[in-house]
C-alpha atoms as a PDB file:
ATOM      1  CA  MET A   1      23.918   2.603 -12.030  1.00  0.00           C
ATOM      2  CA  THR A   2      21.763  -0.502 -12.291  1.00  0.00           C
ATOM      3  CA  VAL A   3      19.069  -0.950  -9.678  1.00  0.00           C
ATOM      4  CA  SER A   4      17.775  -4.494  -9.237  1.00  0.00           C
ATOM      5  CA  PHE A   5      14.759  -5.198  -7.057  1.00  0.00           C
ATOM      6  CA  ILE A   6      11.551  -7.198  -6.880  1.00  0.00           C
ATOM      7  CA  LEU A   7       8.538  -5.371  -8.311  1.00  0.00           C
ATOM      8  CA  ASN A   8       5.159  -6.960  -7.667  1.00  0.00           C
ATOM      9  CA  GLY A   9       6.755 -10.388  -7.383  1.00  0.00           C
ATOM     10  CA  GLU A  10       9.063 -10.134 -10.400  1.00  0.00           C
ATOM     11  CA  ASP A  11      12.815  -9.576 -10.443  1.00  0.00           C
ATOM     12  CA  VAL A  12      13.544  -6.380 -12.363  1.00  0.00           C
ATOM     13  CA  ALA A  13      16.594  -4.298 -13.149  1.00  0.00           C
ATOM     14  CA  VAL A  14      16.755  -0.793 -14.522  1.00  0.00           C
ATOM     15  CA  LYS A  15      19.408   1.796 -15.274  1.00  0.00           C
ATOM     16  CA  ALA A  16      18.942   4.830 -13.069  1.00  0.00           C
ATOM     17  CA  ARG A  17      20.665   8.078 -12.252  1.00  0.00           C
ATOM     18  CA  SER A  18      21.328   9.040  -8.650  1.00  0.00           C
ATOM     19  CA  ALA A  19      18.687  11.793  -8.895  1.00  0.00           C
ATOM     20  CA  ASP A  20      15.915   9.448 -10.121  1.00  0.00           C
ATOM     21  CA  ARG A  21      13.010   8.921  -7.738  1.00  0.00           C
ATOM     22  CA  LEU A  22      11.356   5.538  -7.373  1.00  0.00           C
ATOM     23  CA  VAL A  23       7.941   6.909  -8.355  1.00  0.00           C
ATOM     24  CA  ASP A  24       9.313   8.056 -11.707  1.00  0.00           C
ATOM     25  CA  LEU A  25      10.967   4.717 -12.457  1.00  0.00           C
ATOM     26  CA  LEU A  26       7.806   2.851 -11.575  1.00  0.00           C
ATOM     27  CA  ARG A  27       5.671   4.976 -13.881  1.00  0.00           C
ATOM     28  CA  GLU A  28       8.046   5.706 -16.744  1.00  0.00           C
ATOM     29  CA  ARG A  29      10.096   2.528 -17.005  1.00  0.00           C
ATOM     30  CA  PHE A  30       7.647  -0.079 -15.738  1.00  0.00           C
ATOM     31  CA  GLY A  31       4.319   1.492 -16.727  1.00  0.00           C
ATOM     32  CA  VAL A  32       2.883   1.329 -13.206  1.00  0.00           C
ATOM     33  CA  ALA A  33      -0.051   3.736 -13.244  1.00  0.00           C
ATOM     34  CA  GLY A  34      -1.161   3.239  -9.634  1.00  0.00           C
ATOM     35  CA  VAL A  35       1.572   5.452  -8.193  1.00  0.00           C
ATOM     36  CA  LEU A  36       1.352   9.160  -8.904  1.00  0.00           C
ATOM     37  CA  PRO A  37       3.970  11.838  -8.241  1.00  0.00           C
ATOM     38  CA  ASP A  38       1.313  14.345  -7.204  1.00  0.00           C
ATOM     39  CA  CYS A  39       2.824  16.463  -4.427  1.00  0.00           C
ATOM     40  CA  ARG A  40       6.440  15.221  -4.601  1.00  0.00           C
ATOM     41  CA  ARG A  41       6.690  15.954  -0.876  1.00  0.00           C
ATOM     42  CA  GLY A  42       5.413  12.668   0.550  1.00  0.00           C
ATOM     43  CA  VAL A  43       2.250  14.124   2.038  1.00  0.00           C
ATOM     44  CA  CYS A  44      -0.574  13.337  -0.394  1.00  0.00           C
ATOM     45  CA  GLY A  45      -0.447   9.524  -0.319  1.00  0.00           C
ATOM     46  CA  LYS A  46      -0.837   9.039  -4.079  1.00  0.00           C
ATOM     47  CA  CYS A  47       2.641   7.555  -4.509  1.00  0.00           C
ATOM     48  CA  LEU A  48       2.522   5.064  -1.643  1.00  0.00           C
ATOM     49  CA  VAL A  49       4.020   1.619  -2.134  1.00  0.00           C
ATOM     50  CA  LEU A  50       4.928  -1.228   0.164  1.00  0.00           C
ATOM     51  CA  LEU A  51       8.702  -1.363   0.492  1.00  0.00           C
ATOM     52  CA  ASP A  52       9.656  -4.624   2.181  1.00  0.00           C
ATOM     53  CA  GLY A  53       6.123  -4.657   3.600  1.00  0.00           C
ATOM     54  CA  ARG A  54       6.232  -1.147   5.052  1.00  0.00           C
ATOM     55  CA  LEU A  55       4.358   1.846   3.712  1.00  0.00           C
ATOM     56  CA  ALA A  56       6.668   4.231   1.842  1.00  0.00           C
ATOM     57  CA  PRO A  57       6.171   7.390  -0.245  1.00  0.00           C
ATOM     58  CA  SER A  58       7.900   6.526  -3.518  1.00  0.00           C
ATOM     59  CA  CYS A  59       8.175  10.211  -4.498  1.00  0.00           C
ATOM     60  CA  LEU A  60      10.705  10.728  -1.706  1.00  0.00           C
ATOM     61  CA  LEU A  61      12.746   7.586  -2.307  1.00  0.00           C
ATOM     62  CA  PRO A  62      15.827   7.767  -4.472  1.00  0.00           C
ATOM     63  CA  ALA A  63      15.575   4.857  -6.904  1.00  0.00           C
ATOM     64  CA  PHE A  64      18.784   3.289  -5.592  1.00  0.00           C
ATOM     65  CA  LYS A  65      17.090   2.762  -2.196  1.00  0.00           C
ATOM     66  CA  ALA A  66      14.996   0.001  -3.844  1.00  0.00           C
ATOM     67  CA  ARG A  67      18.127  -2.037  -4.653  1.00  0.00           C
ATOM     68  CA  GLY A  68      17.749  -5.575  -3.355  1.00  0.00           C
ATOM     69  CA  ARG A  69      14.342  -4.852  -1.837  1.00  0.00           C
ATOM     70  CA  GLU A  70      10.743  -5.743  -2.582  1.00  0.00           C
ATOM     71  CA  VAL A  71       8.400  -3.071  -3.942  1.00  0.00           C
ATOM     72  CA  VAL A  72       4.675  -3.755  -4.130  1.00  0.00           C
ATOM     73  CA  THR A  73       2.332  -1.296  -5.826  1.00  0.00           C
ATOM     74  CA  ILE A  74      -1.448  -1.358  -5.737  1.00  0.00           C
ATOM     75  CA  GLU A  75      -1.394  -3.292  -9.031  1.00  0.00           C
ATOM     76  CA  GLY A  76       0.646  -6.072  -7.472  1.00  0.00           C
ATOM     77  CA  PHE A  77      -1.209  -6.011  -4.194  1.00  0.00           C
ATOM     78  CA  ALA A  78      -4.551  -6.289  -6.010  1.00  0.00           C
ATOM     79  CA  GLN A  79      -3.525  -9.835  -7.014  1.00  0.00           C
ATOM     80  CA  THR A  80      -3.369 -11.044  -3.397  1.00  0.00           C
ATOM     81  CA  ASP A  81      -5.882 -12.564  -1.004  1.00  0.00           C
ATOM     82  CA  GLU A  82      -5.118  -9.736   1.417  1.00  0.00           C
ATOM     83  CA  TYR A  83      -6.448  -7.229  -1.114  1.00  0.00           C
ATOM     84  CA  GLY A  84      -9.750  -9.087  -1.150  1.00  0.00           C
ATOM     85  CA  ASP A  85      -9.835  -9.048   2.651  1.00  0.00           C
ATOM     86  CA  ILE A  86      -9.341  -5.288   2.746  1.00  0.00           C
ATOM     87  CA  LYS A  87     -11.758  -4.426  -0.073  1.00  0.00           C
ATOM     88  CA  GLY A  88     -14.328  -6.751   1.464  1.00  0.00           C
ATOM     89  CA  GLY A  89     -13.800  -5.330   4.932  1.00  0.00           C
ATOM     90  CA  PHE A  90     -14.178  -1.795   3.633  1.00  0.00           C
ATOM     91  CA  ALA A  91     -17.413  -2.818   1.883  1.00  0.00           C
ATOM     92  CA  ASP A  92     -18.685  -4.601   5.022  1.00  0.00           C
ATOM     93  CA  ALA A  93     -18.240  -1.357   6.951  1.00  0.00           C
ATOM     94  CA  GLY A  94     -19.894   0.732   4.238  1.00  0.00           C
ATOM     95  CA  LEU A  95     -16.605   2.531   3.695  1.00  0.00           C
ATOM     96  CA  GLU A  96     -16.406   4.386   0.418  1.00  0.00           C
ATOM     97  CA  THR A  97     -13.180   5.968  -0.727  1.00  0.00           C
ATOM     98  CA  CYS A  98     -12.467   8.298  -3.597  1.00  0.00           C
ATOM     99  CA  GLY A  99     -10.109   7.687  -6.487  1.00  0.00           C
ATOM    100  CA  PHE A 100      -7.593   9.987  -4.859  1.00  0.00           C
ATOM    101  CA  CYS A 101      -7.023   7.946  -1.721  1.00  0.00           C
ATOM    102  CA  ASP A 102      -8.252   4.430  -2.488  1.00  0.00           C
ATOM    103  CA  SER A 103      -4.900   2.779  -3.212  1.00  0.00           C
ATOM    104  CA  GLY A 104      -3.135   4.587  -0.363  1.00  0.00           C
ATOM    105  CA  LYS A 105      -5.733   3.524   2.195  1.00  0.00           C
ATOM    106  CA  ILE A 106      -5.660  -0.057   0.961  1.00  0.00           C
ATOM    107  CA  LEU A 107      -1.855  -0.230   1.158  1.00  0.00           C
ATOM    108  CA  ALA A 108      -1.824   1.498   4.558  1.00  0.00           C
ATOM    109  CA  ALA A 109      -4.317  -1.057   5.872  1.00  0.00           C
ATOM    110  CA  ALA A 110      -2.210  -3.866   4.389  1.00  0.00           C
ATOM    111  CA  ALA A 111       0.981  -2.643   6.038  1.00  0.00           C
ATOM    112  CA  LEU A 112      -0.777  -2.272   9.378  1.00  0.00           C
ATOM    113  CA  LEU A 113      -2.469  -5.679   9.284  1.00  0.00           C
ATOM    114  CA  GLU A 114       0.805  -7.333   8.329  1.00  0.00           C
ATOM    115  CA  ARG A 115       2.423  -5.935  11.487  1.00  0.00           C
ATOM    116  CA  ASN A 116      -0.578  -6.292  13.772  1.00  0.00           C
ATOM    117  CA  SER A 117      -3.482  -8.597  12.996  1.00  0.00           C
ATOM    118  CA  ARG A 118      -5.768  -6.870  15.532  1.00  0.00           C
ATOM    119  CA  PRO A 119      -4.844  -3.174  15.610  1.00  0.00           C
ATOM    120  CA  SER A 120      -6.466  -0.776  18.044  1.00  0.00           C
ATOM    121  CA  ARG A 121      -8.511   2.231  16.960  1.00  0.00           C
ATOM    122  CA  GLU A 122      -5.553   4.509  17.728  1.00  0.00           C
ATOM    123  CA  GLU A 123      -3.142   2.358  15.696  1.00  0.00           C
ATOM    124  CA  ILE A 124      -5.521   2.372  12.740  1.00  0.00           C
ATOM    125  CA  LEU A 125      -5.948   6.141  12.843  1.00  0.00           C
ATOM    126  CA  ALA A 126      -2.182   6.663  13.165  1.00  0.00           C
ATOM    127  CA  GLU A 127      -1.399   4.418  10.171  1.00  0.00           C
ATOM    128  CA  MET A 128      -4.133   5.950   8.054  1.00  0.00           C
ATOM    129  CA  SER A 129      -2.799   9.437   8.722  1.00  0.00           C
ATOM    130  CA  ALA A 130      -0.294   8.688   5.949  1.00  0.00           C
ATOM    131  CA  VAL A 131      -3.220   9.139   3.536  1.00  0.00           C
ATOM    132  CA  PRO A 132      -4.617  12.610   4.259  1.00  0.00           C
ATOM    133  CA  CYS A 133      -7.723  12.495   2.036  1.00  0.00           C
ATOM    134  CA  ARG A 134     -10.793  13.760   3.862  1.00  0.00           C
ATOM    135  CA  CYS A 135     -13.365  11.779   1.892  1.00  0.00           C
ATOM    136  CA  THR A 136     -13.680   9.155   4.608  1.00  0.00           C
ATOM    137  CA  ASP A 137     -15.145   9.421   8.079  1.00  0.00           C
ATOM    138  CA  PRO A 138     -12.405   8.286  10.492  1.00  0.00           C
ATOM    139  CA  GLU A 139     -14.793   6.031  12.407  1.00  0.00           C
ATOM    140  CA  ALA A 140     -15.870   4.317   9.177  1.00  0.00           C
ATOM    141  CA  LEU A 141     -12.200   3.826   8.358  1.00  0.00           C
ATOM    142  CA  VAL A 142     -11.581   2.202  11.747  1.00  0.00           C
ATOM    143  CA  LYS A 143     -14.558  -0.100  11.206  1.00  0.00           C
ATOM    144  CA  GLY A 144     -13.362  -0.934   7.699  1.00  0.00           C
ATOM    145  CA  VAL A 145      -9.877  -1.926   8.842  1.00  0.00           C
ATOM    146  CA  GLN A 146     -11.317  -3.936  11.732  1.00  0.00           C
ATOM    147  CA  ALA A 147     -13.680  -5.716   9.321  1.00  0.00           C
ATOM    148  CA  ALA A 148     -10.719  -6.414   7.024  1.00  0.00           C
ATOM    149  CA  ALA A 149      -8.826  -7.867   9.997  1.00  0.00           C
ATOM    150  CA  ASP A 150     -11.803 -10.116  10.743  1.00  0.00           C
ATOM    151  CA  ARG A 151     -11.977 -11.305   7.131  1.00  0.00           C
ATOM    152  CA  ARG A 152      -8.233 -11.949   7.081  1.00  0.00           C
ATOM    153  CA  ALA A 153      -8.392 -13.935  10.323  1.00  0.00           C
ATOM    154  CA  ARG A 154     -11.295 -16.056   9.034  1.00  0.00           C
ATOM    155  CA  ARG A 155      -9.469 -16.743   5.773  1.00  0.00           C
ATOM    156  CA  LEU A 156      -6.214 -17.681   7.497  1.00  0.00           C
ATOM    157  CA  TYR A 157      -7.949 -19.754  10.164  1.00  0.00           C
ATOM    158  CA  ARG A 158      -9.954 -21.618   7.537  1.00  0.00           C
ATOM    159  CA  ARG A 159      -6.752 -22.465   5.658  1.00  0.00           C
ATOM    160  CA  ALA A 160      -5.047 -23.677   8.827  1.00  0.00           C
ATOM    161  CA  ASP A 161      -7.969 -26.070   9.460  1.00  0.00           C
ATOM    162  CA  GLN A 162      -7.764 -27.644   6.026  1.00  0.00           C
END
């Protein structure tokens, strides 16, 4: 079968078998290194992507589920203003992440801030539970996402005034 979808802003199409997982197509056919099929059970967070703006473990998704949808990996997201807001917010809060969880936490924050521009502490902790790495103090993570929300609001407000 042919699976056509938008990958990091580009229309793509690829031949796939029904057993193919999205994570494997992204890595093997498109050379996307930012998604890793580490646990293959959807619990480690290393394969997370944004699927139509929602956080999704690509190791659990059959490739055909991407048909007609938009997939954004950390490589694509890193080209956006929102990425700068999140990285800057994390830095403002003194939040340091490890190589294991960095992309997952960034994408989780992005998905949350897209749905809710001012999430509560509980909402932040719930969303970030999709990335189980223990390198980050939960309170620092809350502060980092809140700082990212502040940066995003300032950037958007500034644009609206221009």
